[in-house]
N, C-alpha and C. Protein backbone atom coordinates (compact mmCIF):
# COMPACT_ATOMS: atom_id res chain seq x y z
N MET A 1 0.76 -1.10 0.06
CA MET A 1 0.02 0.04 -0.10
C MET A 1 0.96 1.26 0.01
N GLN A 2 0.58 2.21 -0.82
CA GLN A 2 1.37 3.50 -1.11
C GLN A 2 0.87 4.26 0.00
N THR A 3 1.88 5.18 0.70
CA THR A 3 1.62 6.19 1.70
C THR A 3 1.35 7.45 0.90
N LYS A 4 0.22 8.01 1.36
CA LYS A 4 -0.24 9.33 0.55
C LYS A 4 0.71 10.41 1.30
N ASN A 5 1.12 11.41 0.60
CA ASN A 5 1.77 12.56 1.06
C ASN A 5 1.06 13.73 0.93
N VAL A 6 1.02 14.57 1.84
CA VAL A 6 0.16 15.86 1.80
C VAL A 6 1.09 16.93 2.26
N TYR A 7 0.49 18.23 2.08
CA TYR A 7 1.22 19.57 2.45
C TYR A 7 1.10 19.72 3.96
N LEU A 8 2.06 20.37 4.55
CA LEU A 8 1.95 20.61 5.81
C LEU A 8 0.78 21.54 6.28
N SER A 9 0.43 22.42 5.39
CA SER A 9 -0.65 23.33 5.90
C SER A 9 -1.91 22.50 6.02
N ASP A 10 -2.05 21.38 5.17
CA ASP A 10 -3.31 20.61 5.17
C ASP A 10 -3.32 19.87 6.59
N LEU A 11 -2.07 19.09 6.82
CA LEU A 11 -1.95 18.45 8.23
C LEU A 11 -2.37 19.34 9.30
N HIS A 12 -1.79 20.50 9.26
CA HIS A 12 -1.83 21.44 10.32
C HIS A 12 -3.43 21.78 10.41
N PHE A 13 -4.05 22.18 9.45
CA PHE A 13 -5.46 22.43 9.37
C PHE A 13 -6.19 21.22 9.92
N GLU A 14 -6.03 19.87 9.56
CA GLU A 14 -6.75 18.89 10.21
C GLU A 14 -6.63 18.60 11.58
N HIS A 15 -5.34 18.96 11.94
CA HIS A 15 -5.08 18.76 13.43
C HIS A 15 -5.82 19.86 14.16
N LYS A 16 -6.08 21.09 13.57
CA LYS A 16 -6.86 22.05 14.58
C LYS A 16 -8.28 21.73 14.40
N VAL A 17 -8.92 21.35 13.31
CA VAL A 17 -10.18 20.77 13.18
C VAL A 17 -10.46 19.65 14.22
N TRP A 18 -9.74 18.58 14.05
CA TRP A 18 -9.87 17.46 15.06
C TRP A 18 -9.96 17.97 16.53
N ALA A 19 -8.96 18.86 16.85
CA ALA A 19 -8.69 19.21 18.23
C ALA A 19 -9.92 20.06 18.79
N ASN A 20 -10.32 20.81 17.96
CA ASN A 20 -11.60 21.49 18.18
C ASN A 20 -12.85 20.72 18.31
N GLU A 21 -13.01 19.67 17.43
CA GLU A 21 -14.07 18.63 17.59
C GLU A 21 -13.98 18.00 18.87
N LEU A 22 -12.68 17.70 19.27
CA LEU A 22 -12.70 16.77 20.28
C LEU A 22 -12.94 17.64 21.66
N ARG A 23 -12.33 18.76 21.64
CA ARG A 23 -12.92 19.64 22.80
C ARG A 23 -14.31 19.86 22.98
N PHE A 24 -14.91 20.11 21.86
CA PHE A 24 -16.43 20.11 21.85
C PHE A 24 -17.06 18.82 22.35
N VAL A 25 -16.70 17.58 21.89
CA VAL A 25 -17.31 16.68 22.42
C VAL A 25 -17.28 16.31 23.95
N LYS A 26 -15.88 16.73 24.35
CA LYS A 26 -15.54 16.56 25.80
C LYS A 26 -16.53 17.65 26.61
N ASP A 27 -16.90 18.75 26.12
CA ASP A 27 -17.77 19.79 26.79
C ASP A 27 -19.09 19.05 26.63
N GLU A 28 -19.58 18.43 25.58
CA GLU A 28 -20.75 17.81 25.42
C GLU A 28 -21.13 16.72 26.45
N ILE A 29 -19.93 15.89 26.57
CA ILE A 29 -20.01 14.71 27.39
C ILE A 29 -20.33 15.40 29.05
N SER A 30 -19.77 16.54 29.23
CA SER A 30 -19.92 17.16 30.58
C SER A 30 -21.56 17.63 30.78
N ILE A 31 -22.08 17.86 29.75
CA ILE A 31 -23.39 18.14 29.75
C ILE A 31 -24.32 16.92 29.86
N PHE A 32 -24.06 15.79 29.28
CA PHE A 32 -24.44 14.60 29.44
C PHE A 32 -24.49 14.09 30.84
N GLU A 33 -23.31 14.25 31.26
CA GLU A 33 -23.09 13.92 32.77
C GLU A 33 -24.03 14.59 33.60
N THR A 34 -24.25 15.75 33.46
CA THR A 34 -25.19 16.49 34.33
C THR A 34 -26.57 15.98 34.09
N ARG A 35 -26.97 15.58 32.93
CA ARG A 35 -28.14 15.08 32.68
C ARG A 35 -28.38 13.66 33.46
N LEU A 36 -27.31 12.91 33.46
CA LEU A 36 -27.30 11.62 34.01
C LEU A 36 -27.34 11.75 35.52
N GLU A 37 -26.99 12.89 36.12
CA GLU A 37 -27.04 13.04 37.48
C GLU A 37 -28.69 13.43 37.73
N GLU A 38 -29.22 14.14 37.02
CA GLU A 38 -30.55 14.36 37.00
C GLU A 38 -31.64 13.08 36.96
N VAL A 39 -31.24 12.25 36.17
CA VAL A 39 -31.79 10.88 36.16
C VAL A 39 -31.62 10.08 37.33
N VAL A 40 -30.40 10.16 37.93
CA VAL A 40 -30.20 9.39 39.11
C VAL A 40 -30.84 10.03 40.18
N SER A 41 -31.10 11.31 40.28
CA SER A 41 -31.73 11.84 41.54
C SER A 41 -33.24 11.75 41.44
N LYS A 42 -33.78 11.37 40.11
CA LYS A 42 -35.24 11.37 40.00
C LYS A 42 -35.65 9.67 39.99
N ASN A 43 -34.86 8.77 40.05
CA ASN A 43 -35.18 7.44 39.79
C ASN A 43 -34.40 6.55 41.01
N THR A 44 -35.14 5.48 41.42
CA THR A 44 -34.55 4.74 42.41
C THR A 44 -34.40 3.25 41.72
N SER A 45 -35.08 3.10 40.69
CA SER A 45 -34.92 1.61 40.11
C SER A 45 -33.79 1.22 39.82
N LYS A 46 -33.39 -0.11 40.19
CA LYS A 46 -32.00 -0.75 40.21
C LYS A 46 -31.60 -0.78 38.87
N GLU A 47 -32.65 -1.06 37.86
CA GLU A 47 -32.27 -1.16 36.50
C GLU A 47 -31.74 0.06 35.94
N ILE A 48 -32.60 1.09 36.27
CA ILE A 48 -32.28 2.37 35.64
C ILE A 48 -30.95 2.82 36.36
N LEU A 49 -30.75 2.63 37.55
CA LEU A 49 -29.53 3.20 38.05
C LEU A 49 -28.19 2.40 37.40
N SER A 50 -28.48 0.97 37.14
CA SER A 50 -27.54 0.11 36.55
C SER A 50 -27.11 0.83 35.06
N LYS A 51 -28.27 1.28 34.35
CA LYS A 51 -27.97 1.84 33.09
C LYS A 51 -27.16 3.35 33.14
N CYS A 52 -27.36 3.89 34.30
CA CYS A 52 -26.76 5.08 34.46
C CYS A 52 -25.34 4.82 34.72
N GLU A 53 -24.99 3.94 35.60
CA GLU A 53 -23.52 3.57 35.83
C GLU A 53 -22.93 3.20 34.55
N HIS A 54 -23.69 2.40 33.64
CA HIS A 54 -23.14 2.02 32.34
C HIS A 54 -22.55 3.23 31.32
N TYR A 55 -23.65 4.45 31.50
CA TYR A 55 -23.43 5.49 30.80
C TYR A 55 -22.40 6.40 31.41
N GLN A 56 -22.17 6.23 32.60
CA GLN A 56 -21.22 6.94 33.40
C GLN A 56 -19.73 6.60 33.03
N ASN A 57 -19.62 5.02 33.07
CA ASN A 57 -18.63 4.41 32.57
C ASN A 57 -18.14 4.85 31.04
N GLN A 58 -19.30 4.76 30.22
CA GLN A 58 -18.92 4.83 28.86
C GLN A 58 -18.45 6.48 28.66
N PHE A 59 -19.06 7.37 29.40
CA PHE A 59 -18.54 8.83 29.18
C PHE A 59 -17.09 8.86 29.75
N ILE A 60 -16.92 8.13 30.64
CA ILE A 60 -15.19 8.13 31.25
C ILE A 60 -14.44 7.80 30.13
N ARG A 61 -14.86 6.53 29.53
CA ARG A 61 -14.05 6.10 28.66
C ARG A 61 -13.67 6.79 27.31
N GLU A 62 -14.92 7.52 26.93
CA GLU A 62 -14.95 8.40 25.73
C GLU A 62 -13.97 9.58 26.14
N LYS A 63 -13.87 10.03 27.05
CA LYS A 63 -12.91 11.11 27.54
C LYS A 63 -11.40 10.66 27.43
N GLU A 64 -11.19 9.34 28.04
CA GLU A 64 -9.85 8.93 27.89
C GLU A 64 -9.64 8.74 26.37
N VAL A 65 -10.42 8.20 25.59
CA VAL A 65 -10.19 7.95 24.06
C VAL A 65 -9.74 9.60 23.60
N ILE A 66 -10.58 10.41 23.97
CA ILE A 66 -10.29 11.86 23.40
C ILE A 66 -8.92 12.31 23.89
N ASP A 67 -8.47 12.17 25.09
CA ASP A 67 -7.04 12.53 25.59
C ASP A 67 -6.13 11.61 24.83
N GLU A 68 -6.30 10.45 24.50
CA GLU A 68 -5.23 9.66 23.78
C GLU A 68 -5.07 10.09 22.39
N ILE A 69 -6.44 10.51 21.62
CA ILE A 69 -6.09 10.88 20.25
C ILE A 69 -5.53 12.43 20.28
N MET A 70 -5.83 13.32 21.40
CA MET A 70 -5.36 14.62 21.52
C MET A 70 -3.68 14.40 21.66
N HIS A 71 -3.39 13.43 22.42
CA HIS A 71 -1.79 13.31 22.58
C HIS A 71 -1.11 12.95 21.17
N GLU A 72 -1.80 12.09 20.44
CA GLU A 72 -1.42 11.83 19.10
C GLU A 72 -1.21 12.92 18.23
N ILE A 73 -2.26 13.85 18.18
CA ILE A 73 -2.32 14.92 17.30
C ILE A 73 -1.21 15.91 17.77
N THR A 74 -1.07 16.05 19.22
CA THR A 74 0.11 16.99 19.60
C THR A 74 1.38 16.39 19.31
N LYS A 75 1.56 15.08 19.40
CA LYS A 75 2.80 14.43 19.09
C LYS A 75 3.01 14.62 17.50
N HIS A 76 2.05 14.56 16.72
CA HIS A 76 2.53 14.73 15.07
C HIS A 76 2.60 16.29 14.89
N GLU A 77 1.84 17.15 15.66
CA GLU A 77 2.08 18.43 15.33
C GLU A 77 3.45 18.98 15.80
N ASP A 78 3.99 18.28 16.95
CA ASP A 78 5.24 18.61 17.43
C ASP A 78 6.32 18.27 16.41
N ALA A 79 6.10 17.15 15.81
CA ALA A 79 7.12 16.65 14.84
C ALA A 79 7.07 17.57 13.78
N LEU A 80 5.91 18.06 13.16
CA LEU A 80 5.86 18.99 12.07
C LEU A 80 6.48 20.40 12.15
N ASN A 81 6.25 20.94 13.65
CA ASN A 81 6.99 22.10 14.14
C ASN A 81 8.32 21.77 14.04
N GLU A 82 8.97 20.68 14.61
CA GLU A 82 10.37 20.37 14.61
C GLU A 82 11.02 20.49 13.18
N PHE A 83 10.37 20.02 12.41
CA PHE A 83 10.69 19.72 10.99
C PHE A 83 10.77 21.10 10.44
N THR A 84 9.73 21.99 10.73
CA THR A 84 9.64 23.30 10.26
C THR A 84 10.79 24.24 10.75
N ALA A 85 11.11 24.00 12.09
CA ALA A 85 12.16 24.83 12.47
C ALA A 85 13.59 24.55 11.86
N ASP A 86 13.69 23.26 11.64
CA ASP A 86 14.96 22.78 11.07
C ASP A 86 15.15 23.11 9.43
N ASN A 87 14.10 23.17 8.67
CA ASN A 87 14.00 23.41 7.51
C ASN A 87 12.91 24.42 7.04
N PRO A 88 13.16 25.90 7.43
CA PRO A 88 12.16 26.73 7.23
C PRO A 88 11.70 27.08 5.76
N VAL A 89 12.87 27.02 4.84
CA VAL A 89 12.75 27.16 3.44
C VAL A 89 12.00 25.92 2.70
N ALA A 90 12.28 24.84 3.16
CA ALA A 90 11.66 23.74 2.44
C ALA A 90 10.38 23.36 2.61
N VAL A 91 9.61 24.00 3.55
CA VAL A 91 8.42 23.74 4.20
C VAL A 91 7.36 23.98 3.19
N ASP A 92 7.50 25.09 2.24
CA ASP A 92 6.50 25.32 1.28
C ASP A 92 6.51 24.20 0.02
N HIS A 93 7.61 23.64 -0.05
CA HIS A 93 7.96 22.58 -1.31
C HIS A 93 7.84 21.16 -0.68
N GLN A 94 7.49 21.03 0.38
CA GLN A 94 7.92 19.65 0.99
C GLN A 94 6.45 18.88 1.29
N ASN A 95 6.28 17.54 0.86
CA ASN A 95 5.18 16.86 1.02
C ASN A 95 5.53 16.01 2.28
N PHE A 96 4.56 15.83 3.18
CA PHE A 96 4.74 14.94 4.36
C PHE A 96 3.97 13.72 4.42
N ARG A 97 4.27 12.66 5.15
CA ARG A 97 3.58 11.60 5.34
C ARG A 97 2.27 11.75 5.97
N ASP A 98 1.31 11.43 5.44
CA ASP A 98 -0.06 11.57 5.89
C ASP A 98 -0.26 10.87 7.15
N HIS A 99 -1.07 11.36 8.09
CA HIS A 99 -1.31 10.90 9.55
C HIS A 99 -2.47 10.05 9.37
N LYS A 100 -2.43 8.89 8.81
CA LYS A 100 -3.41 8.06 8.50
C LYS A 100 -3.98 7.50 9.77
N GLY A 101 -3.10 7.06 10.70
CA GLY A 101 -3.36 6.54 12.07
C GLY A 101 -4.32 7.35 12.67
N VAL A 102 -3.91 8.66 12.82
CA VAL A 102 -4.87 9.49 13.63
C VAL A 102 -6.08 9.77 12.93
N ARG A 103 -6.23 9.73 11.64
CA ARG A 103 -7.47 9.81 10.84
C ARG A 103 -8.28 8.76 11.02
N GLU A 104 -7.79 7.50 10.97
CA GLU A 104 -8.49 6.21 11.29
C GLU A 104 -9.07 6.38 12.89
N SER A 105 -8.32 6.77 13.79
CA SER A 105 -8.86 6.97 15.14
C SER A 105 -9.93 7.83 15.37
N ILE A 106 -9.62 9.09 14.55
CA ILE A 106 -10.92 10.04 14.52
C ILE A 106 -12.23 9.54 14.03
N VAL A 107 -12.14 8.88 12.89
CA VAL A 107 -13.29 8.15 12.08
C VAL A 107 -13.91 6.98 13.05
N ARG A 108 -12.99 6.39 13.66
CA ARG A 108 -13.51 5.22 14.71
C ARG A 108 -14.20 5.80 15.87
N PHE A 109 -13.43 6.95 16.37
CA PHE A 109 -14.20 7.66 17.58
C PHE A 109 -15.75 8.28 17.23
N ARG A 110 -15.66 8.92 16.10
CA ARG A 110 -17.04 9.43 15.66
C ARG A 110 -18.05 8.62 15.44
N THR A 111 -17.77 7.44 15.09
CA THR A 111 -18.75 6.24 14.94
C THR A 111 -19.26 5.80 16.22
N ILE A 112 -18.25 5.59 17.14
CA ILE A 112 -18.64 5.03 18.35
C ILE A 112 -19.31 6.08 19.09
N TYR A 113 -18.83 7.31 19.11
CA TYR A 113 -19.43 8.32 19.97
C TYR A 113 -20.92 8.77 19.28
N LYS A 114 -21.26 8.65 18.29
CA LYS A 114 -22.57 8.98 17.73
C LYS A 114 -23.35 7.79 18.11
N GLU A 115 -22.94 6.51 18.19
CA GLU A 115 -23.87 5.51 18.60
C GLU A 115 -24.17 5.73 20.10
N LEU A 116 -23.07 6.06 20.92
CA LEU A 116 -23.32 6.24 22.34
C LEU A 116 -24.54 7.44 22.45
N LYS A 117 -24.13 8.55 21.65
CA LYS A 117 -24.98 9.75 21.96
C LYS A 117 -26.42 9.51 21.56
N ASP A 118 -26.65 8.61 20.53
CA ASP A 118 -28.18 8.13 20.06
C ASP A 118 -28.60 7.35 21.13
N LYS A 119 -27.88 6.37 21.86
CA LYS A 119 -28.54 5.49 22.63
C LYS A 119 -28.92 6.24 23.85
N PHE A 120 -27.99 7.23 24.32
CA PHE A 120 -28.30 8.05 25.68
C PHE A 120 -29.31 8.86 25.30
N ALA A 121 -29.64 9.37 24.28
CA ALA A 121 -30.82 10.30 23.89
C ALA A 121 -32.11 9.45 24.11
N ILE A 122 -32.02 8.32 23.74
CA ILE A 122 -33.33 7.46 23.89
C ILE A 122 -33.35 7.00 25.30
N PHE A 123 -32.24 6.73 25.97
CA PHE A 123 -32.37 6.51 27.56
C PHE A 123 -33.02 7.73 28.11
N LEU A 124 -32.60 8.94 27.73
CA LEU A 124 -33.06 10.09 28.44
C LEU A 124 -34.35 10.32 28.40
N SER A 125 -34.80 10.08 26.88
CA SER A 125 -36.34 10.29 26.54
C SER A 125 -37.17 9.18 27.47
N GLU A 126 -36.66 8.18 27.68
CA GLU A 126 -37.57 6.93 28.51
C GLU A 126 -37.41 7.28 30.06
N THR A 127 -36.49 7.82 30.32
CA THR A 127 -36.38 8.16 31.96
C THR A 127 -36.80 9.51 32.59
N LEU A 128 -36.64 10.42 31.90
CA LEU A 128 -37.02 11.75 32.14
C LEU A 128 -38.56 12.24 31.79
């Protein structure tokens, strides 16, 4: 399989978009956690409380995944910045190896998070 090469500006742009998206999702999860607290305060059913614990654990895991992806983005951005510092003239003419692994992580995260978000919305509609 051939590795795709892209311009530094394109990689940097994607890093910024992804980082903003991940920060937004983390904020959204905080809102969901607040809603989850409302469900817990209004329900005593063991079944519902068990589901609340499940969602709480899922939200914790999603925030961990966000931190892991952000770390990968930062690491790649640091490598690009180091190259830029060492080769300021060549940057405009140089192609870089694509960050396929991070892109795949983002796509996988979006899919899993959307499913969680959709299921949580249904859960909220059934319990509040």
